[in-house]
């Protein structure tokens, strides 16, 4: 059996009241916030699911239930830190992470480097092992109508 494991994650949140969103651990000014139990950081939530999936440890909802008041308005960076500890306990380490933000707005470009650096810090890898991409849905669907934001993540873990 190979010492490499791949995991994927996806998250989506509707826009709601507010003047910023958290994205990849970075505060991004925006005309709206997100509707969420925690801080609603879709990139970090997708990353958590990818890490958990690769390690065979379930999903973010199993570990951080949205019905638990402990996670109300929680900083999603704490979720990543806790998940990384579980991954390490399973004898695995992050090789790389690739994330895609799917949204019409806000534009990711001005925040890409900060997101990359923050995610690299959270998963304890060199920033060159983290990639951040962004795409739109060409105006189609709820994302295209700028009603929300989504992210997907893929990670590669290796046995240590």
Protein backbone atom coordinates (compact mmCIF):
# COMPACT_ATOMS: atom_id res chain seq x y z
CA UNK A 1 0.00 0.00 0.00
CA UNK A 2 1.29 3.44 -0.95
CA UNK A 3 2.17 6.00 1.66
CA UNK A 4 0.32 8.70 -0.32
CA UNK A 5 -3.33 9.67 0.26
CA UNK A 6 -5.51 12.17 -1.63
CA UNK A 7 -8.53 14.00 -0.23
CA UNK A 8 -11.03 16.47 -1.63
CA UNK A 9 -13.29 19.01 0.02
CA UNK A 10 -16.04 21.41 -0.97
CA UNK A 11 -17.93 24.14 0.88
CA UNK A 12 -20.45 26.82 -0.01
CA UNK A 13 -22.10 29.69 1.87
CA UNK A 14 -24.72 32.23 0.92
CA UNK A 15 -23.91 35.90 1.23
CA UNK A 16 -25.70 37.79 3.99
CA UNK A 17 -25.28 40.90 6.14
CA UNK A 18 -21.78 42.21 6.70
CA UNK A 19 -18.94 44.09 5.10
CA UNK A 20 -16.26 41.39 4.80
CA UNK A 21 -15.76 37.67 4.37
CA UNK A 22 -13.06 35.38 5.68
CA UNK A 23 -11.37 33.57 2.82
CA UNK A 24 -8.36 31.32 3.25
CA UNK A 25 -7.79 32.78 6.71
CA UNK A 26 -7.70 36.33 5.34
CA UNK A 27 -10.22 39.09 5.99
CA UNK A 28 -11.49 40.24 2.58
CA UNK A 29 -13.55 43.45 2.36
CA UNK A 30 -16.85 42.82 0.58
CA UNK A 31 -20.32 44.29 0.25
CA UNK A 32 -21.69 41.29 2.18
CA UNK A 33 -20.73 38.77 4.84
CA UNK A 34 -21.69 35.10 4.76
CA UNK A 35 -24.47 33.20 6.45
CA UNK A 36 -22.70 30.63 8.63
CA UNK A 37 -22.46 29.19 12.12
CA UNK A 38 -18.70 29.81 12.32
CA UNK A 39 -16.85 32.53 10.41
CA UNK A 40 -17.94 30.82 7.17
CA UNK A 41 -14.49 30.60 5.56
CA UNK A 42 -15.34 28.36 2.58
CA UNK A 43 -11.68 27.86 1.63
CA UNK A 44 -10.64 26.66 5.08
CA UNK A 45 -13.77 24.50 5.43
CA UNK A 46 -13.03 22.81 2.09
CA UNK A 47 -9.42 22.37 3.19
CA UNK A 48 -10.53 20.70 6.44
CA UNK A 49 -12.71 18.26 4.53
CA UNK A 50 -9.88 17.47 2.11
CA UNK A 51 -7.47 16.82 4.99
CA UNK A 52 -9.97 14.71 6.88
CA UNK A 53 -10.91 12.77 3.75
CA UNK A 54 -7.32 11.97 2.85
CA UNK A 55 -6.68 10.74 6.38
CA UNK A 56 -9.92 8.72 6.49
CA UNK A 57 -11.17 10.76 9.43
CA UNK A 58 -14.66 11.74 8.29
CA UNK A 59 -15.71 15.29 7.56
CA UNK A 60 -15.79 18.71 9.16
CA UNK A 61 -19.41 18.33 10.28
CA UNK A 62 -18.54 15.29 12.37
CA UNK A 63 -15.85 17.14 14.28
CA UNK A 64 -17.29 20.68 14.42
CA UNK A 65 -21.07 20.38 14.43
CA UNK A 66 -22.97 23.52 13.43
CA UNK A 67 -25.39 22.80 16.27
CA UNK A 68 -22.62 23.12 18.88
CA UNK A 69 -22.46 26.58 20.46
CA UNK A 70 -18.68 26.20 20.94
CA UNK A 71 -18.26 26.80 17.20
CA UNK A 72 -20.57 29.83 16.95
CA UNK A 73 -18.59 32.58 15.19
CA UNK A 74 -15.45 30.42 15.52
CA UNK A 75 -12.31 31.27 13.58
CA UNK A 76 -11.95 28.51 10.97
CA UNK A 77 -8.17 28.63 11.35
CA UNK A 78 -8.76 26.81 14.63
CA UNK A 79 -10.57 24.06 12.73
CA UNK A 80 -7.57 23.64 10.41
CA UNK A 81 -5.18 23.53 13.38
CA UNK A 82 -7.28 20.85 15.10
CA UNK A 83 -7.65 18.83 11.90
CA UNK A 84 -3.91 19.01 11.21
CA UNK A 85 -3.29 17.60 14.72
CA UNK A 86 -5.60 14.67 13.85
CA UNK A 87 -3.77 14.16 10.55
CA UNK A 88 -0.41 14.13 12.34
CA UNK A 89 -1.74 11.72 14.97
CA UNK A 90 -2.66 9.40 12.09
CA UNK A 91 1.01 9.47 11.04
CA UNK A 92 0.47 11.69 8.00
CA UNK A 93 1.86 15.00 6.79
CA UNK A 94 0.73 17.46 4.13
CA UNK A 95 2.60 17.30 0.83
CA UNK A 96 0.60 19.99 -0.95
CA UNK A 97 -2.80 21.69 -1.10
CA UNK A 98 -4.62 23.08 -4.14
CA UNK A 99 -7.70 25.25 -3.59
CA UNK A 100 -10.18 26.82 -6.00
CA UNK A 101 -12.50 29.64 -4.97
CA UNK A 102 -15.69 29.75 -7.05
CA UNK A 103 -17.45 33.12 -7.04
CA UNK A 104 -18.32 36.15 -9.16
CA UNK A 105 -17.27 38.42 -6.29
CA UNK A 106 -15.11 39.30 -4.50
CA UNK A 107 -12.03 39.14 -6.69
CA UNK A 108 -9.45 36.79 -5.18
CA UNK A 109 -6.36 38.11 -6.99
CA UNK A 110 -5.49 40.90 -4.55
CA UNK A 111 -5.63 38.44 -1.61
CA UNK A 112 -4.13 35.33 -3.24
CA UNK A 113 -0.62 35.70 -1.80
CA UNK A 114 -1.90 36.39 1.72
CA UNK A 115 -4.24 33.40 1.52
CA UNK A 116 -1.45 31.18 0.26
CA UNK A 117 0.86 32.28 3.07
CA UNK A 118 -1.81 31.83 5.75
CA UNK A 119 -2.84 28.37 4.56
CA UNK A 120 0.81 27.30 4.30
CA UNK A 121 1.33 28.47 7.87
CA UNK A 122 -1.75 26.58 9.08
CA UNK A 123 -0.77 23.26 7.45
CA UNK A 124 2.96 23.72 8.17
CA UNK A 125 4.31 23.63 4.62
CA UNK A 126 6.30 25.96 2.41
CA UNK A 127 3.98 28.43 0.61
CA UNK A 128 5.14 26.93 -2.71
CA UNK A 129 3.20 23.81 -1.72
CA UNK A 130 -0.08 25.71 -1.57
CA UNK A 131 -1.90 26.89 -4.67
CA UNK A 132 -4.90 29.22 -4.78
CA UNK A 133 -7.02 29.57 -7.91
CA UNK A 134 -10.25 31.41 -8.57
CA UNK A 135 -12.96 31.03 -11.16
CA UNK A 136 -16.45 32.29 -11.84
CA UNK A 137 -19.49 30.43 -13.10
CA UNK A 138 -19.83 32.88 -16.02
CA UNK A 139 -22.94 34.39 -14.43
CA UNK A 140 -24.73 31.04 -14.11
CA UNK A 141 -26.57 29.82 -11.00
CA UNK A 142 -26.59 31.22 -7.50
CA UNK A 143 -22.82 31.75 -7.57
CA UNK A 144 -23.09 33.56 -10.90
CA UNK A 145 -25.81 35.81 -9.49
CA UNK A 146 -23.35 36.71 -6.68
CA UNK A 147 -25.60 35.17 -4.03
CA UNK A 148 -22.78 33.23 -2.40
CA UNK A 149 -19.29 31.80 -2.57
CA UNK A 150 -17.85 28.29 -2.79
CA UNK A 151 -14.47 26.61 -2.61
CA UNK A 152 -13.00 23.23 -3.34
CA UNK A 153 -9.73 21.77 -2.12
CA UNK A 154 -7.50 18.84 -2.94
CA UNK A 155 -4.68 17.74 -0.66
CA UNK A 156 -1.98 15.12 -0.85
CA UNK A 157 -0.80 13.54 2.38
CA UNK A 158 2.13 11.20 2.92
CA UNK A 159 2.99 8.72 5.65
CA UNK A 160 5.73 9.97 7.94
